[in-house]
N, C-alpha and C. Protein backbone atom coordinates (compact mmCIF):
# COMPACT_ATOMS: atom_id res chain seq x y z
N THR A 1 -15.64 30.49 7.76
CA THR A 1 -14.95 31.44 6.90
C THR A 1 -15.70 32.76 6.86
N LYS A 2 -15.00 33.79 6.43
CA LYS A 2 -15.63 35.11 6.34
C LYS A 2 -16.80 35.10 5.37
N LEU A 3 -16.64 34.42 4.26
CA LEU A 3 -17.71 34.39 3.25
C LEU A 3 -18.94 33.68 3.80
N LYS A 4 -18.72 32.53 4.39
CA LYS A 4 -19.83 31.75 4.95
C LYS A 4 -20.55 32.51 6.07
N ASN A 5 -19.78 33.25 6.86
CA ASN A 5 -20.35 34.00 7.98
C ASN A 5 -20.81 35.40 7.59
N GLN A 6 -20.76 35.69 6.31
CA GLN A 6 -21.19 36.99 5.76
C GLN A 6 -20.50 38.16 6.46
N GLU A 7 -19.19 38.06 6.59
CA GLU A 7 -18.40 39.08 7.28
C GLU A 7 -17.82 40.13 6.33
N TYR A 8 -18.05 39.99 5.05
CA TYR A 8 -17.54 40.97 4.09
C TYR A 8 -18.55 42.10 3.92
N ASP A 9 -18.05 43.34 3.96
CA ASP A 9 -18.90 44.51 3.74
C ASP A 9 -19.08 44.81 2.26
N GLY A 10 -18.23 44.23 1.43
CA GLY A 10 -18.33 44.47 0.00
C GLY A 10 -17.41 43.54 -0.77
N LEU A 11 -17.59 43.54 -2.08
CA LEU A 11 -16.79 42.67 -2.93
C LEU A 11 -15.31 43.04 -2.91
N ASP A 12 -15.01 44.30 -2.66
CA ASP A 12 -13.61 44.72 -2.63
C ASP A 12 -12.84 44.02 -1.50
N GLN A 13 -13.48 43.77 -0.38
CA GLN A 13 -12.83 43.06 0.72
C GLN A 13 -12.59 41.59 0.36
N LEU A 14 -13.57 40.98 -0.27
CA LEU A 14 -13.43 39.60 -0.72
C LEU A 14 -12.31 39.50 -1.75
N GLU A 15 -12.30 40.42 -2.70
CA GLU A 15 -11.27 40.42 -3.73
C GLU A 15 -9.88 40.58 -3.12
N SER A 16 -9.76 41.43 -2.14
CA SER A 16 -8.48 41.64 -1.47
C SER A 16 -7.99 40.36 -0.80
N ASP A 17 -8.86 39.68 -0.08
CA ASP A 17 -8.49 38.43 0.57
C ASP A 17 -8.12 37.36 -0.45
N LEU A 18 -8.86 37.29 -1.54
CA LEU A 18 -8.55 36.31 -2.58
C LEU A 18 -7.18 36.60 -3.19
N ASN A 19 -6.88 37.87 -3.43
CA ASN A 19 -5.58 38.22 -4.00
C ASN A 19 -4.43 37.85 -3.07
N VAL A 20 -4.62 38.03 -1.77
CA VAL A 20 -3.59 37.61 -0.81
C VAL A 20 -3.39 36.11 -0.90
N MET A 21 -4.47 35.36 -0.94
CA MET A 21 -4.39 33.91 -1.04
C MET A 21 -3.69 33.49 -2.33
N PHE A 22 -4.04 34.13 -3.45
CA PHE A 22 -3.43 33.80 -4.73
C PHE A 22 -1.93 34.09 -4.71
N GLU A 23 -1.55 35.24 -4.21
CA GLU A 23 -0.13 35.61 -4.18
C GLU A 23 0.66 34.67 -3.27
N ASN A 24 0.09 34.27 -2.16
CA ASN A 24 0.76 33.30 -1.28
C ASN A 24 0.91 31.96 -1.97
N ALA A 25 -0.11 31.53 -2.67
CA ALA A 25 -0.04 30.25 -3.38
C ALA A 25 1.06 30.28 -4.44
N LYS A 26 1.19 31.41 -5.13
CA LYS A 26 2.23 31.53 -6.15
C LYS A 26 3.62 31.65 -5.52
N ARG A 27 3.70 32.29 -4.38
CA ARG A 27 4.99 32.47 -3.70
C ARG A 27 5.54 31.14 -3.19
N TYR A 28 4.67 30.27 -2.70
CA TYR A 28 5.13 29.05 -2.04
C TYR A 28 5.01 27.80 -2.90
N ASN A 29 4.68 27.97 -4.18
CA ASN A 29 4.62 26.84 -5.11
C ASN A 29 5.41 27.18 -6.35
N VAL A 30 6.04 26.18 -6.94
CA VAL A 30 6.86 26.42 -8.13
C VAL A 30 5.96 26.70 -9.33
N PRO A 31 6.44 27.52 -10.29
CA PRO A 31 5.60 27.93 -11.42
C PRO A 31 4.99 26.80 -12.25
N ASN A 32 5.63 25.66 -12.31
CA ASN A 32 5.06 24.56 -13.12
C ASN A 32 4.14 23.64 -12.33
N SER A 33 3.92 23.94 -11.06
CA SER A 33 3.05 23.07 -10.25
C SER A 33 1.58 23.29 -10.62
N ALA A 34 0.77 22.30 -10.33
CA ALA A 34 -0.67 22.37 -10.62
C ALA A 34 -1.32 23.51 -9.84
N ILE A 35 -0.93 23.69 -8.59
CA ILE A 35 -1.52 24.76 -7.78
C ILE A 35 -1.21 26.12 -8.38
N TYR A 36 0.04 26.34 -8.72
CA TYR A 36 0.45 27.63 -9.30
C TYR A 36 -0.34 27.90 -10.57
N LYS A 37 -0.45 26.91 -11.44
CA LYS A 37 -1.17 27.08 -12.71
C LYS A 37 -2.65 27.39 -12.47
N ARG A 38 -3.27 26.71 -11.53
CA ARG A 38 -4.69 26.95 -11.24
C ARG A 38 -4.92 28.34 -10.66
N VAL A 39 -4.03 28.74 -9.77
CA VAL A 39 -4.14 30.08 -9.18
C VAL A 39 -3.98 31.14 -10.26
N PHE A 40 -3.04 30.93 -11.15
CA PHE A 40 -2.82 31.88 -12.24
C PHE A 40 -4.10 32.02 -13.08
N LYS A 41 -4.74 30.90 -13.39
CA LYS A 41 -5.98 30.93 -14.17
C LYS A 41 -7.10 31.64 -13.41
N LEU A 42 -7.21 31.38 -12.12
CA LEU A 42 -8.23 32.04 -11.31
C LEU A 42 -8.02 33.55 -11.27
N GLN A 43 -6.77 33.97 -11.15
CA GLN A 43 -6.48 35.41 -11.16
C GLN A 43 -6.89 36.04 -12.48
N GLN A 44 -6.64 35.34 -13.58
CA GLN A 44 -7.04 35.87 -14.89
C GLN A 44 -8.55 35.99 -14.98
N LEU A 45 -9.28 35.03 -14.46
CA LEU A 45 -10.74 35.07 -14.49
C LEU A 45 -11.30 36.23 -13.68
N MET A 46 -10.61 36.61 -12.62
CA MET A 46 -11.09 37.69 -11.76
C MET A 46 -10.87 39.07 -12.37
N GLN A 47 -9.99 39.16 -13.34
CA GLN A 47 -9.68 40.49 -13.91
C GLN A 47 -10.65 40.90 -14.96
């Protein structure tokens, strides 16, 4: 992974990739699913 291989030049790049992952998880999972709920909580923690 990029994180493991230290390929990020800064936290903003990591945050951008995480946001893409979160939005994809919410797009492809129903709002009441465990994945959707966990992603929502993670997004709140990042803000």
